[in-house]
Amino acid sequence: MYPRRRMPIARTAMLVGATSHVARNSARQENMAAENAYYRDQARQQEMQQQAQMQAQMQAQQQQQMLAQQQAQQAQQAQQQALQAQQQAAANEEAIRRGIAQHEEERRRLEQQNQQPPPYQGQNYGPPPGQNYGPPPGQNYGPPPPQNYGTPSPQPNNAQAVMTCDQCKSSNQVTSLFCSNCGNKLAH
């Protein structure tokens, strides 16, 4: 009787042992799957963080490049403005120099034209008292008085200056060529 009883117990022990072994293996596989999922999630998060950092770095580099370009453009504009200001200043200086040179030349020319001996200290340049350097009395050295060099034209007398038109018999002046009433040519 004993042997019959022991066998079923061994079989159940085997079944229980096999079941617990399978259960342990499945628990280990689940734990490993959960750990793998956790590590995969961690790796994904790290990749996403790295991508975000790289994008942020790229954006920062782009902003730095744009800022550097803007600064370079501003520096170039400032250089151009400084160059233009220097050119304008040089042109103004040249114009001033020319103006001064022209003014000096004009002043020298006027001084040469108006060169008069310096006044002598203590003497008067006019005639001595009692002497006259002008023309003698009764003579005039100026321009002659105007003279009438032609025959004067006779002034028509109003009483004799009337002429009648042959056509309309109206009176006209002698100097008229045509009749003031009808426009006919007057015979002289």
N, C-alpha and C. Protein backbone atom coordinates (compact mmCIF):
# COMPACT_ATOMS: atom_id res chain seq x y z
N MET A 1 0.74 -1.17 0.00
CA MET A 1 0.00 0.00 0.00
C MET A 1 0.81 1.28 0.00
N TYR A 2 1.83 1.11 0.63
CA TYR A 2 2.66 2.31 0.62
C TYR A 2 3.14 2.70 -0.75
N PRO A 3 3.60 1.73 -1.50
CA PRO A 3 4.12 2.19 -2.78
C PRO A 3 3.06 2.87 -3.62
N ARG A 4 1.89 2.45 -3.50
CA ARG A 4 0.87 3.07 -4.31
C ARG A 4 0.63 4.49 -3.86
N ARG A 5 0.74 4.72 -2.64
CA ARG A 5 0.49 6.06 -2.15
C ARG A 5 1.63 6.99 -2.48
N ARG A 6 2.82 6.52 -2.44
CA ARG A 6 3.94 7.40 -2.66
C ARG A 6 3.98 7.91 -4.09
N MET A 7 3.63 7.20 -4.95
CA MET A 7 3.68 7.62 -6.32
C MET A 7 2.79 8.81 -6.60
N PRO A 8 1.63 8.76 -6.20
CA PRO A 8 0.83 9.94 -6.51
C PRO A 8 1.37 11.17 -5.81
N ILE A 9 1.96 11.02 -4.69
CA ILE A 9 2.49 12.19 -4.01
C ILE A 9 3.67 12.72 -4.80
N ALA A 10 4.49 11.80 -5.30
CA ALA A 10 5.62 12.25 -6.09
C ALA A 10 5.17 12.94 -7.36
N ARG A 11 4.14 12.38 -7.92
CA ARG A 11 3.64 13.03 -9.14
C ARG A 11 3.12 14.41 -8.83
N THR A 12 2.42 14.58 -7.78
CA THR A 12 1.93 15.91 -7.44
C THR A 12 3.09 16.80 -7.09
N ALA A 13 4.09 16.24 -6.41
CA ALA A 13 5.25 17.06 -6.10
C ALA A 13 5.93 17.50 -7.38
N MET A 14 5.99 16.66 -8.33
CA MET A 14 6.58 17.02 -9.61
C MET A 14 5.74 18.06 -10.31
N LEU A 15 4.46 17.87 -10.24
CA LEU A 15 3.58 18.83 -10.87
C LEU A 15 3.68 20.17 -10.19
N VAL A 16 3.75 20.15 -8.89
CA VAL A 16 3.83 21.41 -8.15
C VAL A 16 5.19 22.04 -8.42
N GLY A 17 6.24 21.25 -8.44
CA GLY A 17 7.56 21.78 -8.71
C GLY A 17 7.65 22.33 -10.11
N ALA A 18 7.07 21.61 -11.06
CA ALA A 18 7.11 22.09 -12.44
C ALA A 18 6.29 23.35 -12.57
N THR A 19 5.21 23.42 -11.92
CA THR A 19 4.35 24.59 -12.02
C THR A 19 5.04 25.78 -11.38
N SER A 20 5.66 25.57 -10.25
CA SER A 20 6.33 26.70 -9.61
C SER A 20 7.53 27.14 -10.43
N HIS A 21 8.20 26.18 -11.07
CA HIS A 21 9.33 26.55 -11.93
C HIS A 21 8.84 27.37 -13.13
N VAL A 22 7.76 26.95 -13.74
CA VAL A 22 7.18 27.69 -14.88
C VAL A 22 6.74 29.06 -14.40
N ALA A 23 6.15 29.09 -13.22
CA ALA A 23 5.67 30.37 -12.70
C ALA A 23 6.86 31.29 -12.45
N ARG A 24 7.95 30.73 -11.90
CA ARG A 24 9.13 31.55 -11.67
C ARG A 24 9.71 32.04 -12.99
N ASN A 25 9.79 31.19 -13.98
CA ASN A 25 10.31 31.59 -15.29
C ASN A 25 9.44 32.67 -15.92
N SER A 26 8.16 32.50 -15.85
CA SER A 26 7.27 33.50 -16.45
C SER A 26 7.39 34.82 -15.69
N ALA A 27 7.57 34.76 -14.38
CA ALA A 27 7.74 36.00 -13.60
C ALA A 27 9.04 36.66 -13.99
N ARG A 28 10.10 35.84 -14.17
CA ARG A 28 11.37 36.41 -14.59
C ARG A 28 11.25 37.06 -15.97
N GLN A 29 10.56 36.38 -16.90
CA GLN A 29 10.38 36.94 -18.24
C GLN A 29 9.58 38.23 -18.20
N GLU A 30 8.56 38.27 -17.36
CA GLU A 30 7.77 39.50 -17.23
C GLU A 30 8.63 40.62 -16.66
N ASN A 31 9.43 40.26 -15.62
CA ASN A 31 10.32 41.27 -15.05
C ASN A 31 11.32 41.77 -16.09
N MET A 32 11.87 40.85 -16.87
CA MET A 32 12.82 41.24 -17.91
C MET A 32 12.15 42.10 -18.96
N ALA A 33 10.92 41.73 -19.34
CA ALA A 33 10.18 42.52 -20.33
C ALA A 33 9.91 43.92 -19.78
N ALA A 34 9.54 43.99 -18.51
CA ALA A 34 9.27 45.29 -17.89
C ALA A 34 10.56 46.12 -17.83
N GLU A 35 11.69 45.46 -17.47
CA GLU A 35 12.95 46.17 -17.42
C GLU A 35 13.36 46.64 -18.82
N ASN A 36 13.15 45.77 -19.82
CA ASN A 36 13.47 46.16 -21.20
C ASN A 36 12.62 47.36 -21.63
N ALA A 37 11.34 47.30 -21.31
CA ALA A 37 10.45 48.42 -21.66
C ALA A 37 10.90 49.70 -20.95
N TYR A 38 11.29 49.57 -19.67
CA TYR A 38 11.76 50.72 -18.91
C TYR A 38 13.02 51.28 -19.54
N TYR A 39 13.98 50.39 -19.89
CA TYR A 39 15.21 50.86 -20.51
C TYR A 39 14.97 51.47 -21.90
N ARG A 40 14.02 50.87 -22.64
CA ARG A 40 13.68 51.44 -23.95
C ARG A 40 13.09 52.83 -23.77
N ASP A 41 12.19 52.97 -22.78
CA ASP A 41 11.60 54.29 -22.51
C ASP A 41 12.68 55.30 -22.10
N GLN A 42 13.59 54.86 -21.28
CA GLN A 42 14.69 55.73 -20.85
C GLN A 42 15.54 56.15 -22.05
N ALA A 43 15.84 55.16 -22.93
CA ALA A 43 16.64 55.46 -24.12
C ALA A 43 15.91 56.45 -25.03
N ARG A 44 14.59 56.25 -25.20
CA ARG A 44 13.80 57.18 -26.03
C ARG A 44 13.82 58.58 -25.43
N GLN A 45 13.63 58.67 -24.13
CA GLN A 45 13.64 59.97 -23.48
C GLN A 45 15.01 60.63 -23.63
N GLN A 46 16.07 59.86 -23.48
CA GLN A 46 17.41 60.42 -23.66
C GLN A 46 17.61 60.89 -25.10
N GLU A 47 17.14 60.08 -26.07
CA GLU A 47 17.25 60.50 -27.47
C GLU A 47 16.48 61.79 -27.72
N MET A 48 15.27 61.86 -27.16
CA MET A 48 14.45 63.07 -27.34
C MET A 48 15.13 64.27 -26.69
N GLN A 49 15.71 64.06 -25.50
CA GLN A 49 16.41 65.16 -24.85
C GLN A 49 17.63 65.59 -25.66
N GLN A 50 18.36 64.61 -26.21
CA GLN A 50 19.53 64.94 -27.02
C GLN A 50 19.10 65.69 -28.28
N GLN A 51 18.01 65.23 -28.92
CA GLN A 51 17.52 65.93 -30.11
C GLN A 51 17.08 67.36 -29.76
N ALA A 52 16.40 67.49 -28.62
CA ALA A 52 15.97 68.84 -28.21
C ALA A 52 17.18 69.72 -27.94
N GLN A 53 18.21 69.15 -27.28
CA GLN A 53 19.42 69.92 -27.02
C GLN A 53 20.11 70.30 -28.33
N MET A 54 20.18 69.35 -29.27
CA MET A 54 20.82 69.64 -30.56
C MET A 54 20.05 70.73 -31.31
N GLN A 55 18.71 70.63 -31.28
CA GLN A 55 17.91 71.67 -31.94
C GLN A 55 18.13 73.02 -31.27
N ALA A 56 18.17 73.02 -29.95
CA ALA A 56 18.41 74.28 -29.23
C ALA A 56 19.79 74.83 -29.59
N GLN A 57 20.79 73.95 -29.66
CA GLN A 57 22.13 74.39 -30.03
C GLN A 57 22.15 74.92 -31.46
N MET A 58 21.46 74.23 -32.36
CA MET A 58 21.41 74.70 -33.75
C MET A 58 20.73 76.05 -33.83
N GLN A 59 19.62 76.21 -33.10
CA GLN A 59 18.93 77.50 -33.11
C GLN A 59 19.83 78.59 -32.52
N ALA A 60 20.53 78.25 -31.45
CA ALA A 60 21.44 79.24 -30.85
C ALA A 60 22.54 79.60 -31.84
N GLN A 61 23.08 78.60 -32.56
CA GLN A 61 24.12 78.87 -33.55
C GLN A 61 23.57 79.75 -34.68
N GLN A 62 22.35 79.43 -35.12
CA GLN A 62 21.74 80.24 -36.19
C GLN A 62 21.53 81.67 -35.72
N GLN A 63 21.06 81.82 -34.48
CA GLN A 63 20.86 83.18 -33.95
C GLN A 63 22.19 83.90 -33.83
N GLN A 64 23.23 83.19 -33.39
CA GLN A 64 24.55 83.81 -33.31
C GLN A 64 25.05 84.21 -34.69
N GLN A 65 24.82 83.35 -35.68
CA GLN A 65 25.24 83.67 -37.04
C GLN A 65 24.49 84.89 -37.56
N MET A 66 23.17 84.91 -37.32
CA MET A 66 22.37 86.06 -37.77
C MET A 66 22.84 87.33 -37.07
N LEU A 67 23.10 87.22 -35.76
CA LEU A 67 23.58 88.38 -35.01
C LEU A 67 24.94 88.84 -35.54
N ALA A 68 25.81 87.86 -35.83
CA ALA A 68 27.13 88.21 -36.37
C ALA A 68 26.98 88.88 -37.75
N GLN A 69 26.06 88.37 -38.57
CA GLN A 69 25.83 88.99 -39.89
C GLN A 69 25.31 90.40 -39.73
N GLN A 70 24.34 90.58 -38.81
CA GLN A 70 23.80 91.92 -38.59
C GLN A 70 24.88 92.87 -38.10
N GLN A 71 25.72 92.38 -37.17
CA GLN A 71 26.79 93.22 -36.66
C GLN A 71 27.78 93.55 -37.77
N ALA A 72 28.07 92.57 -38.64
CA ALA A 72 28.98 92.81 -39.76
C ALA A 72 28.38 93.85 -40.71
N GLN A 73 27.07 93.74 -40.98
CA GLN A 73 26.41 94.70 -41.86
C GLN A 73 26.44 96.09 -41.23
N GLN A 74 26.15 96.16 -39.93
CA GLN A 74 26.17 97.45 -39.25
C GLN A 74 27.57 98.04 -39.26
N ALA A 75 28.58 97.18 -39.05
CA ALA A 75 29.96 97.67 -39.09
C ALA A 75 30.32 98.17 -40.47
N GLN A 76 29.86 97.44 -41.51
CA GLN A 76 30.15 97.86 -42.88
C GLN A 76 29.45 99.18 -43.18
N GLN A 77 28.19 99.31 -42.74
CA GLN A 77 27.48 100.57 -42.95
C GLN A 77 28.18 101.71 -42.22
N ALA A 78 28.64 101.43 -40.99
CA ALA A 78 29.35 102.46 -40.23
C ALA A 78 30.64 102.86 -40.94
N GLN A 79 31.34 101.87 -41.50
CA GLN A 79 32.56 102.18 -42.25
C GLN A 79 32.25 103.02 -43.48
N GLN A 80 31.16 102.65 -44.18
CA GLN A 80 30.79 103.42 -45.37
C GLN A 80 30.42 104.85 -44.99
N GLN A 81 29.67 104.99 -43.89
CA GLN A 81 29.29 106.33 -43.46
C GLN A 81 30.52 107.13 -43.05
N ALA A 82 31.45 106.46 -42.35
CA ALA A 82 32.68 107.15 -41.95
C ALA A 82 33.49 107.57 -43.18
N LEU A 83 33.55 106.68 -44.18
CA LEU A 83 34.26 107.00 -45.40
C LEU A 83 33.61 108.17 -46.13
N GLN A 84 32.27 108.14 -46.19
CA GLN A 84 31.56 109.25 -46.83
C GLN A 84 31.79 110.55 -46.07
N ALA A 85 31.78 110.46 -44.73
CA ALA A 85 32.01 111.66 -43.93
C ALA A 85 33.43 112.19 -44.16
N GLN A 86 34.40 111.28 -44.26
CA GLN A 86 35.77 111.71 -44.53
C GLN A 86 35.88 112.36 -45.90
N GLN A 87 35.23 111.74 -46.89
CA GLN A 87 35.26 112.31 -48.24
C GLN A 87 34.59 113.69 -48.25
N GLN A 88 33.46 113.80 -47.55
CA GLN A 88 32.75 115.09 -47.49
C GLN A 88 33.62 116.12 -46.79
N ALA A 89 34.28 115.71 -45.70
CA ALA A 89 35.15 116.64 -44.98
C ALA A 89 36.32 117.07 -45.86
N ALA A 90 36.90 116.10 -46.61
CA ALA A 90 38.00 116.44 -47.51
C ALA A 90 37.52 117.40 -48.60
N ALA A 91 36.32 117.14 -49.14
CA ALA A 91 35.78 118.04 -50.17
C ALA A 91 35.54 119.43 -49.59
N ASN A 92 34.99 119.48 -48.37
CA ASN A 92 34.76 120.78 -47.73
C ASN A 92 36.08 121.51 -47.49
N GLU A 93 37.09 120.77 -47.01
CA GLU A 93 38.39 121.40 -46.78
C GLU A 93 38.97 121.93 -48.09
N GLU A 94 38.85 121.14 -49.15
CA GLU A 94 39.36 121.57 -50.46
C GLU A 94 38.63 122.82 -50.93
N ALA A 95 37.30 122.83 -50.74
CA ALA A 95 36.53 124.01 -51.15
C ALA A 95 36.94 125.23 -50.33
N ILE A 96 37.17 125.02 -49.05
CA ILE A 96 37.60 126.13 -48.20
C ILE A 96 38.97 126.62 -48.65
N ARG A 97 39.88 125.69 -48.93
CA ARG A 97 41.22 126.08 -49.39
C ARG A 97 41.14 126.86 -50.69
N ARG A 98 40.29 126.37 -51.61
CA ARG A 98 40.13 127.09 -52.88
C ARG A 98 39.58 128.48 -52.65
N GLY A 99 38.55 128.56 -51.78
CA GLY A 99 37.96 129.86 -51.48
C GLY A 99 38.97 130.81 -50.86
N ILE A 100 39.78 130.29 -49.94
CA ILE A 100 40.80 131.13 -49.31
C ILE A 100 41.82 131.57 -50.34
N ALA A 101 42.25 130.62 -51.21
CA ALA A 101 43.23 130.96 -52.24
C ALA A 101 42.67 132.01 -53.19
N GLN A 102 41.41 131.85 -53.60
CA GLN A 102 40.80 132.83 -54.49
C GLN A 102 40.68 134.18 -53.79
N HIS A 103 40.31 134.14 -52.52
CA HIS A 103 40.17 135.39 -51.77
C HIS A 103 41.53 136.08 -51.66
N GLU A 104 42.58 135.31 -51.36
CA GLU A 104 43.92 135.88 -51.25
C GLU A 104 44.37 136.45 -52.60
N GLU A 105 44.10 135.69 -53.65
CA GLU A 105 44.49 136.16 -54.99
C GLU A 105 43.75 137.45 -55.34
N GLU A 106 42.46 137.50 -55.03
CA GLU A 106 41.66 138.71 -55.30
C GLU A 106 42.18 139.88 -54.46
N ARG A 107 42.51 139.61 -53.20
CA ARG A 107 43.03 140.66 -52.33
C ARG A 107 44.36 141.19 -52.86
N ARG A 108 45.24 140.29 -53.30
CA ARG A 108 46.52 140.73 -53.85
C ARG A 108 46.33 141.55 -55.12
N ARG A 109 45.39 141.07 -55.98
CA ARG A 109 45.13 141.80 -57.21
C ARG A 109 44.61 143.21 -56.90
N LEU A 110 43.68 143.30 -55.95
CA LEU A 110 43.14 144.61 -55.58
C LEU A 110 44.22 145.48 -54.95
N GLU A 111 45.10 144.88 -54.17
CA GLU A 111 46.18 145.65 -53.57
C GLU A 111 47.11 146.19 -54.65
N GLN A 112 47.39 145.39 -55.68
CA GLN A 112 48.26 145.84 -56.76
C GLN A 112 47.59 146.95 -57.55
N GLN A 113 46.27 146.84 -57.76
CA GLN A 113 45.57 147.89 -58.50
C GLN A 113 45.50 149.17 -57.69
N ASN A 114 45.27 149.03 -56.44
CA ASN A 114 45.08 150.22 -55.59
C ASN A 114 46.35 150.59 -54.83
N GLN A 115 47.49 150.20 -55.36
CA GLN A 115 48.72 150.52 -54.63
C GLN A 115 48.93 152.02 -54.66
N GLN A 116 48.93 152.60 -53.55
CA GLN A 116 49.18 154.03 -53.40
C GLN A 116 50.36 154.16 -52.45
N PRO A 117 51.14 155.19 -52.66
CA PRO A 117 52.26 155.34 -51.73
C PRO A 117 51.73 155.58 -50.33
N PRO A 118 52.43 155.07 -49.36
CA PRO A 118 51.95 155.27 -47.99
C PRO A 118 51.97 156.76 -47.64
N PRO A 119 51.02 157.18 -46.87
CA PRO A 119 50.98 158.61 -46.53
C PRO A 119 52.23 159.02 -45.76
N TYR A 120 52.73 160.21 -46.16
CA TYR A 120 53.93 160.72 -45.51
C TYR A 120 53.52 161.38 -44.21
N GLN A 121 54.19 160.99 -43.18
CA GLN A 121 53.84 161.51 -41.86
C GLN A 121 54.24 163.00 -41.78
N GLY A 122 53.31 163.81 -41.41
CA GLY A 122 53.62 165.22 -41.15
C GLY A 122 53.41 166.14 -42.33
N GLN A 123 53.14 165.66 -43.56
CA GLN A 123 52.92 166.55 -44.70
C GLN A 123 51.53 166.32 -45.24
N ASN A 124 50.97 167.38 -45.79
CA ASN A 124 49.68 167.31 -46.44
C ASN A 124 49.92 167.14 -47.93
N TYR A 125 49.18 166.23 -48.57
CA TYR A 125 49.38 165.99 -49.99
C TYR A 125 48.62 166.99 -50.87
N GLY A 126 47.83 167.81 -50.34
CA GLY A 126 47.11 168.82 -51.11
C GLY A 126 48.05 169.93 -51.54
N PRO A 127 47.53 170.91 -52.32
CA PRO A 127 48.39 172.03 -52.73
C PRO A 127 48.78 172.86 -51.51
N PRO A 128 49.96 173.43 -51.58
CA PRO A 128 50.34 174.29 -50.45
C PRO A 128 49.37 175.46 -50.33
N PRO A 129 49.24 175.99 -49.17
CA PRO A 129 48.30 177.10 -49.02
C PRO A 129 48.65 178.26 -49.95
N GLY A 130 47.65 178.76 -50.63
CA GLY A 130 47.83 179.88 -51.54
C GLY A 130 48.03 179.45 -52.98
N GLN A 131 48.26 178.17 -53.28
CA GLN A 131 48.42 177.71 -54.65
C GLN A 131 47.21 176.87 -55.03
N ASN A 132 46.82 176.98 -56.32
CA ASN A 132 45.69 176.24 -56.82
C ASN A 132 46.15 175.45 -58.02
N TYR A 133 45.92 174.13 -58.03
CA TYR A 133 46.31 173.29 -59.15
C TYR A 133 45.23 173.16 -60.20
N GLY A 134 44.12 173.79 -60.06
CA GLY A 134 43.02 173.70 -61.01
C GLY A 134 43.26 174.59 -62.22
N PRO A 135 42.29 174.65 -63.15
CA PRO A 135 42.45 175.51 -64.34
C PRO A 135 42.42 176.98 -63.95
N PRO A 136 43.06 177.81 -64.76
CA PRO A 136 43.00 179.24 -64.46
C PRO A 136 41.56 179.74 -64.56
N PRO A 137 41.27 180.81 -63.90
CA PRO A 137 39.90 181.32 -63.94
C PRO A 137 39.47 181.65 -65.36
N GLY A 138 38.27 181.26 -65.69
CA GLY A 138 37.71 181.53 -67.01
C GLY A 138 37.94 180.40 -67.99
N GLN A 139 38.77 179.43 -67.70
CA GLN A 139 39.01 178.29 -68.60
C GLN A 139 38.45 177.04 -67.94
N ASN A 140 37.87 176.20 -68.78
CA ASN A 140 37.29 174.97 -68.27
C ASN A 140 37.93 173.81 -69.02
N TYR A 141 38.53 172.88 -68.29
CA TYR A 141 39.16 171.72 -68.92
C TYR A 141 38.21 170.53 -69.00
N GLY A 142 37.01 170.68 -68.63
CA GLY A 142 36.04 169.57 -68.65
C GLY A 142 35.50 169.36 -70.04
N PRO A 143 34.51 168.52 -70.20
CA PRO A 143 33.94 168.27 -71.51
C PRO A 143 33.21 169.52 -72.01
N PRO A 144 33.19 169.71 -73.33
CA PRO A 144 32.53 170.91 -73.86
C PRO A 144 31.02 170.82 -73.65
N PRO A 145 30.37 171.95 -73.61
CA PRO A 145 28.91 171.92 -73.46
C PRO A 145 28.26 171.33 -74.70
N PRO A 146 27.12 170.70 -74.57
CA PRO A 146 26.47 170.08 -75.73
C PRO A 146 26.06 171.12 -76.75
N GLN A 147 26.24 170.79 -78.04
CA GLN A 147 25.88 171.68 -79.13
C GLN A 147 24.91 170.96 -80.04
N ASN A 148 24.07 171.70 -80.72
CA ASN A 148 23.12 171.15 -81.67
C ASN A 148 23.79 171.13 -83.03
N TYR A 149 24.15 169.96 -83.51
CA TYR A 149 24.87 169.85 -84.77
C TYR A 149 23.94 169.57 -85.93
N GLY A 150 22.88 169.84 -86.08
CA GLY A 150 22.03 169.63 -87.24
C GLY A 150 21.06 170.78 -87.33
N THR A 151 20.30 170.78 -88.39
CA THR A 151 19.30 171.83 -88.52
C THR A 151 18.07 171.40 -87.74
N PRO A 152 17.58 172.27 -86.96
CA PRO A 152 16.39 171.88 -86.20
C PRO A 152 15.19 171.73 -87.12
N SER A 153 14.35 170.74 -86.81
CA SER A 153 13.16 170.51 -87.63
C SER A 153 12.13 171.57 -87.29
N PRO A 154 11.49 172.12 -88.34
CA PRO A 154 10.51 173.19 -88.07
C PRO A 154 9.29 172.61 -87.37
N GLN A 155 8.83 173.32 -86.39
CA GLN A 155 7.63 172.90 -85.68
C GLN A 155 6.42 173.38 -86.47
N PRO A 156 5.52 172.45 -86.80
CA PRO A 156 4.35 172.89 -87.58
C PRO A 156 3.45 173.79 -86.77
N ASN A 157 2.95 174.76 -87.41
CA ASN A 157 2.01 175.68 -86.78
C ASN A 157 0.63 175.06 -86.90
N ASN A 158 -0.13 175.10 -85.83
CA ASN A 158 -1.44 174.45 -85.83
C ASN A 158 -2.39 175.08 -86.85
N ALA A 159 -2.21 176.33 -87.11
CA ALA A 159 -3.11 176.99 -88.05
C ALA A 159 -2.79 176.55 -89.47
N GLN A 160 -1.53 176.29 -89.79
CA GLN A 160 -1.14 175.90 -91.14
C GLN A 160 -1.07 174.39 -91.29
N ALA A 161 -1.18 173.61 -90.25
CA ALA A 161 -0.98 172.19 -90.29
C ALA A 161 -2.25 171.42 -90.60
N VAL A 162 -3.17 171.98 -91.30
CA VAL A 162 -4.41 171.29 -91.60
C VAL A 162 -4.47 171.03 -93.09
N MET A 163 -4.92 169.86 -93.46
CA MET A 163 -5.01 169.44 -94.85
C MET A 163 -6.34 168.71 -95.01
N THR A 164 -7.01 168.88 -96.13
CA THR A 164 -8.32 168.24 -96.34
C THR A 164 -8.17 167.02 -97.21
N CYS A 165 -9.00 166.03 -96.91
CA CYS A 165 -9.00 164.77 -97.66
C CYS A 165 -9.77 165.00 -98.95
N ASP A 166 -9.30 164.45 -100.09
CA ASP A 166 -9.95 164.61 -101.38
C ASP A 166 -11.25 163.83 -101.45
N GLN A 167 -11.36 162.76 -100.69
CA GLN A 167 -12.53 161.89 -100.80
C GLN A 167 -13.65 162.32 -99.87
N CYS A 168 -13.34 162.48 -98.55
CA CYS A 168 -14.41 162.77 -97.57
C CYS A 168 -14.41 164.21 -97.11
N LYS A 169 -13.46 165.01 -97.54
CA LYS A 169 -13.35 166.43 -97.23
C LYS A 169 -13.22 166.71 -95.74
N SER A 170 -12.60 165.77 -94.97
CA SER A 170 -12.37 166.03 -93.54
C SER A 170 -10.97 166.61 -93.38
N SER A 171 -10.77 167.35 -92.27
CA SER A 171 -9.48 168.00 -92.06
C SER A 171 -8.54 167.03 -91.35
N ASN A 172 -7.25 166.99 -91.78
CA ASN A 172 -6.19 166.13 -91.23
C ASN A 172 -4.95 166.97 -91.04
N GLN A 173 -4.04 166.50 -90.23
CA GLN A 173 -2.78 167.19 -90.03
C GLN A 173 -1.90 167.00 -91.26
N VAL A 174 -0.93 167.92 -91.44
CA VAL A 174 -0.06 167.88 -92.60
C VAL A 174 0.87 166.67 -92.52
N THR A 175 1.25 166.29 -91.32
CA THR A 175 2.19 165.17 -91.17
C THR A 175 1.55 163.82 -91.36
N SER A 176 0.22 163.71 -91.44
CA SER A 176 -0.48 162.44 -91.61
C SER A 176 -0.36 161.97 -93.04
N LEU A 177 -0.20 160.67 -93.22
CA LEU A 177 -0.13 160.09 -94.56
C LEU A 177 -1.50 159.60 -95.03
N PHE A 178 -2.37 159.24 -94.07
CA PHE A 178 -3.69 158.73 -94.41
C PHE A 178 -4.75 159.54 -93.69
N CYS A 179 -5.95 159.56 -94.22
CA CYS A 179 -7.07 160.30 -93.64
C CYS A 179 -7.52 159.60 -92.36
N SER A 180 -7.74 160.41 -91.33
CA SER A 180 -8.17 159.83 -90.05
C SER A 180 -9.64 159.42 -90.07
N ASN A 181 -10.41 159.86 -91.06
CA ASN A 181 -11.83 159.53 -91.13
C ASN A 181 -12.08 158.35 -92.04
N CYS A 182 -11.60 158.39 -93.28
CA CYS A 182 -11.90 157.31 -94.23
C CYS A 182 -10.72 156.42 -94.53
N GLY A 183 -9.50 156.82 -94.21
CA GLY A 183 -8.33 155.99 -94.42
C GLY A 183 -7.73 156.14 -95.80
N ASN A 184 -8.19 157.09 -96.61
CA ASN A 184 -7.66 157.31 -97.96
C ASN A 184 -6.28 157.94 -97.85
N LYS A 185 -5.39 157.62 -98.81
CA LYS A 185 -4.05 158.17 -98.80
C LYS A 185 -4.13 159.66 -99.17
N LEU A 186 -3.44 160.45 -98.35
CA LEU A 186 -3.46 161.90 -98.55
C LEU A 186 -2.37 162.29 -99.55
N ALA A 187 -2.69 163.24 -100.43
CA ALA A 187 -1.73 163.72 -101.43
C ALA A 187 -0.99 164.90 -100.83
N HIS A 188 0.28 164.92 -100.87
CA HIS A 188 1.08 166.01 -100.32
C HIS A 188 1.62 166.87 -101.42
